[in-house]
Amino acid sequence: MQCEVILDGVYPFPTFFVNRGGKEKNNIMKLDTRIAELVAIGASIGANCQPCLQYHVKKALKSGADEQEIADAIEIGKMVRKGAAANMDKFVASLSQAVPSADGKMEGRCGCTP
């Protein structure tokens, strides 16, 4: 039976699952707020989001996380980000597409430039 996870937007992550038959099953995630905030710290670093990091560090402290746990979450986030960046650098180096010509025509832009 395959299910999809739907977040209902209530913190700290109550969720429900809908199977292909359309029946809902309530499930509260088993992560406590402290652990969820430590995960969010690592994710914030992986996403390079400073406002998120500031927010989640404050929430982690309020949730009972100590400074060492926060430092550990930061280090894990940095390792993930570094690994992802290294993999992207390898991918870019392996591209066999020619550098765009000087005539300014670019096809297949992803939309990240104006």
C-alpha atoms as a PDB file:
ATOM      1  CA  MET A   1       0.000   0.000   0.000  1.00  0.00           C
ATOM      2  CA  GLN A   2       1.517   3.336  -1.029  1.00  0.00           C
ATOM      3  CA  CYS A   3       0.751   6.458   0.954  1.00  0.00           C
ATOM      4  CA  GLU A   4       1.492  10.118   0.599  1.00  0.00           C
ATOM      5  CA  VAL A   5       2.330  12.343   3.536  1.00  0.00           C
ATOM      6  CA  ILE A   6       0.314  15.511   3.920  1.00  0.00           C
ATOM      7  CA  LEU A   7       1.373  18.072   6.504  1.00  0.00           C
ATOM      8  CA  ASP A   8      -1.569  19.833   8.038  1.00  0.00           C
ATOM      9  CA  GLY A   9       0.488  22.874   9.060  1.00  0.00           C
ATOM     10  CA  VAL A  10       0.270  22.427  12.825  1.00  0.00           C
ATOM     11  CA  TYR A  11       3.569  22.461  14.694  1.00  0.00           C
ATOM     12  CA  PRO A  12       5.325  20.166  15.701  1.00  0.00           C
ATOM     13  CA  PHE A  13       4.312  18.246  12.661  1.00  0.00           C
ATOM     14  CA  PRO A  14       1.043  16.412  13.224  1.00  0.00           C
ATOM     15  CA  THR A  15       0.450  14.626   9.959  1.00  0.00           C
ATOM     16  CA  PHE A  16      -2.005  12.334   8.334  1.00  0.00           C
ATOM     17  CA  PHE A  17      -1.515   9.792   5.623  1.00  0.00           C
ATOM     18  CA  VAL A  18      -3.868   9.169   2.731  1.00  0.00           C
ATOM     19  CA  ASN A  19      -3.649   5.782   1.093  1.00  0.00           C
ATOM     20  CA  ARG A  20      -4.749   5.249  -2.489  1.00  0.00           C
ATOM     21  CA  GLY A  21      -8.152   4.144  -1.265  1.00  0.00           C
ATOM     22  CA  GLY A  22      -8.750   7.632   0.141  1.00  0.00           C
ATOM     23  CA  LYS A  23      -8.813   6.637   3.810  1.00  0.00           C
ATOM     24  CA  GLU A  24      -7.013   8.893   6.267  1.00  0.00           C
ATOM     25  CA  LYS A  25      -4.907   7.656   9.146  1.00  0.00           C
ATOM     26  CA  ASN A  26      -3.842  10.153  11.828  1.00  0.00           C
ATOM     27  CA  ASN A  27      -0.240  10.000  12.958  1.00  0.00           C
ATOM     28  CA  ILE A  28       1.706  12.307  15.250  1.00  0.00           C
ATOM     29  CA  MET A  29       5.417  12.307  14.471  1.00  0.00           C
ATOM     30  CA  LYS A  30       7.465  10.856  17.273  1.00  0.00           C
ATOM     31  CA  LEU A  31      10.153  13.542  17.178  1.00  0.00           C
ATOM     32  CA  ASP A  32       9.967  15.849  20.125  1.00  0.00           C
ATOM     33  CA  THR A  33      10.272  19.594  19.567  1.00  0.00           C
ATOM     34  CA  ARG A  34      13.941  19.658  20.670  1.00  0.00           C
ATOM     35  CA  ILE A  35      14.978  17.050  18.106  1.00  0.00           C
ATOM     36  CA  ALA A  36      12.823  18.616  15.384  1.00  0.00           C
ATOM     37  CA  GLU A  37      14.512  21.981  15.982  1.00  0.00           C
ATOM     38  CA  LEU A  38      17.974  20.391  15.834  1.00  0.00           C
ATOM     39  CA  VAL A  39      17.040  18.832  12.492  1.00  0.00           C
ATOM     40  CA  ALA A  40      15.759  22.218  11.330  1.00  0.00           C
ATOM     41  CA  ILE A  41      19.096  23.804  12.294  1.00  0.00           C
ATOM     42  CA  GLY A  42      20.953  21.375  10.049  1.00  0.00           C
ATOM     43  CA  ALA A  43      18.441  21.884   7.252  1.00  0.00           C
ATOM     44  CA  SER A  44      18.764  25.665   7.551  1.00  0.00           C
ATOM     45  CA  ILE A  45      22.514  25.418   7.054  1.00  0.00           C
ATOM     46  CA  GLY A  46      22.087  23.023   4.138  1.00  0.00           C
ATOM     47  CA  ALA A  47      19.708  25.535   2.542  1.00  0.00           C
ATOM     48  CA  ASN A  48      21.985  28.518   3.328  1.00  0.00           C
ATOM     49  CA  CYS A  49      19.107  30.286   5.076  1.00  0.00           C
ATOM     50  CA  GLN A  50      20.370  32.625   7.796  1.00  0.00           C
ATOM     51  CA  PRO A  51      16.926  33.777   9.018  1.00  0.00           C
ATOM     52  CA  CYS A  52      15.831  30.149   9.379  1.00  0.00           C
ATOM     53  CA  LEU A  53      19.004  29.300  11.288  1.00  0.00           C
ATOM     54  CA  GLN A  54      18.522  32.180  13.723  1.00  0.00           C
ATOM     55  CA  TYR A  55      14.887  31.245  14.265  1.00  0.00           C
ATOM     56  CA  HIS A  56      15.549  27.536  14.812  1.00  0.00           C
ATOM     57  CA  VAL A  57      18.512  28.097  17.159  1.00  0.00           C
ATOM     58  CA  LYS A  58      16.250  30.226  19.402  1.00  0.00           C
ATOM     59  CA  LYS A  59      13.482  27.599  19.218  1.00  0.00           C
ATOM     60  CA  ALA A  60      15.966  24.802  19.987  1.00  0.00           C
ATOM     61  CA  LEU A  61      17.219  26.615  23.078  1.00  0.00           C
ATOM     62  CA  LYS A  62      13.638  27.206  24.256  1.00  0.00           C
ATOM     63  CA  SER A  63      12.914  23.506  23.633  1.00  0.00           C
ATOM     64  CA  GLY A  64      15.710  22.381  25.928  1.00  0.00           C
ATOM     65  CA  ALA A  65      18.603  21.830  23.514  1.00  0.00           C
ATOM     66  CA  ASP A  66      21.997  22.691  24.949  1.00  0.00           C
ATOM     67  CA  GLU A  67      24.830  24.531  23.215  1.00  0.00           C
ATOM     68  CA  GLN A  68      26.710  21.314  22.393  1.00  0.00           C
ATOM     69  CA  GLU A  69      23.669  19.775  20.698  1.00  0.00           C
ATOM     70  CA  ILE A  70      23.227  22.933  18.640  1.00  0.00           C
ATOM     71  CA  ALA A  71      26.940  22.937  17.734  1.00  0.00           C
ATOM     72  CA  ASP A  72      26.644  19.291  16.651  1.00  0.00           C
ATOM     73  CA  ALA A  73      23.590  20.056  14.498  1.00  0.00           C
ATOM     74  CA  ILE A  74      25.480  22.954  12.910  1.00  0.00           C
ATOM     75  CA  GLU A  75      28.474  20.732  12.109  1.00  0.00           C
ATOM     76  CA  ILE A  76      26.246  18.074  10.545  1.00  0.00           C
ATOM     77  CA  GLY A  77      24.490  20.738   8.454  1.00  0.00           C
ATOM     78  CA  LYS A  78      27.876  22.075   7.314  1.00  0.00           C
ATOM     79  CA  MET A  79      29.010  18.583   6.306  1.00  0.00           C
ATOM     80  CA  VAL A  80      25.835  18.010   4.291  1.00  0.00           C
ATOM     81  CA  ARG A  81      26.140  21.400   2.597  1.00  0.00           C
ATOM     82  CA  LYS A  82      29.835  20.820   1.846  1.00  0.00           C
ATOM     83  CA  GLY A  83      29.112  17.383   0.363  1.00  0.00           C
ATOM     84  CA  ALA A  84      26.315  18.747  -1.800  1.00  0.00           C
ATOM     85  CA  ALA A  85      28.532  21.598  -3.029  1.00  0.00           C
ATOM     86  CA  ALA A  86      31.362  19.179  -3.823  1.00  0.00           C
ATOM     87  CA  ASN A  87      28.990  16.966  -5.794  1.00  0.00           C
ATOM     88  CA  MET A  88      27.683  19.990  -7.708  1.00  0.00           C
ATOM     89  CA  ASP A  89      31.258  21.047  -8.518  1.00  0.00           C
ATOM     90  CA  LYS A  90      31.982  17.560  -9.892  1.00  0.00           C
ATOM     91  CA  PHE A  91      28.801  17.661 -11.950  1.00  0.00           C
ATOM     92  CA  VAL A  92      29.625  21.085 -13.379  1.00  0.00           C
ATOM     93  CA  ALA A  93      33.139  19.919 -14.274  1.00  0.00           C
ATOM     94  CA  SER A  94      31.680  16.922 -16.086  1.00  0.00           C
ATOM     95  CA  LEU A  95      29.319  18.909 -18.279  1.00  0.00           C
ATOM     96  CA  SER A  96      30.135  18.458 -21.920  1.00  0.00           C
ATOM     97  CA  GLN A  97      28.002  21.331 -23.166  1.00  0.00           C
ATOM     98  CA  ALA A  98      29.842  24.176 -24.879  1.00  0.00           C
ATOM     99  CA  VAL A  99      30.089  27.564 -23.228  1.00  0.00           C
ATOM    100  CA  PRO A 100      27.298  29.831 -24.548  1.00  0.00           C
ATOM    101  CA  SER A 101      28.314  31.890 -27.557  1.00  0.00           C
ATOM    102  CA  ALA A 102      28.959  35.599 -27.327  1.00  0.00           C
ATOM    103  CA  ASP A 103      25.874  36.399 -29.440  1.00  0.00           C
ATOM    104  CA  GLY A 104      23.828  36.348 -26.242  1.00  0.00           C
ATOM    105  CA  LYS A 105      21.413  33.604 -27.318  1.00  0.00           C
ATOM    106  CA  MET A 106      20.757  31.229 -24.482  1.00  0.00           C
ATOM    107  CA  GLU A 107      18.319  28.386 -24.777  1.00  0.00           C
ATOM    108  CA  GLY A 108      16.967  26.316 -21.939  1.00  0.00           C
ATOM    109  CA  ARG A 109      17.497  28.854 -19.163  1.00  0.00           C
ATOM    110  CA  CYS A 110      16.310  27.689 -15.795  1.00  0.00           C
ATOM    111  CA  GLY A 111      14.960  31.083 -14.842  1.00  0.00           C
ATOM    112  CA  CYS A 112      17.509  31.936 -12.158  1.00  0.00           C
ATOM    113  CA  THR A 113      18.741  34.979 -14.074  1.00  0.00           C
ATOM    114  CA  PRO A 114      16.703  38.001 -15.092  1.00  0.00           C
END
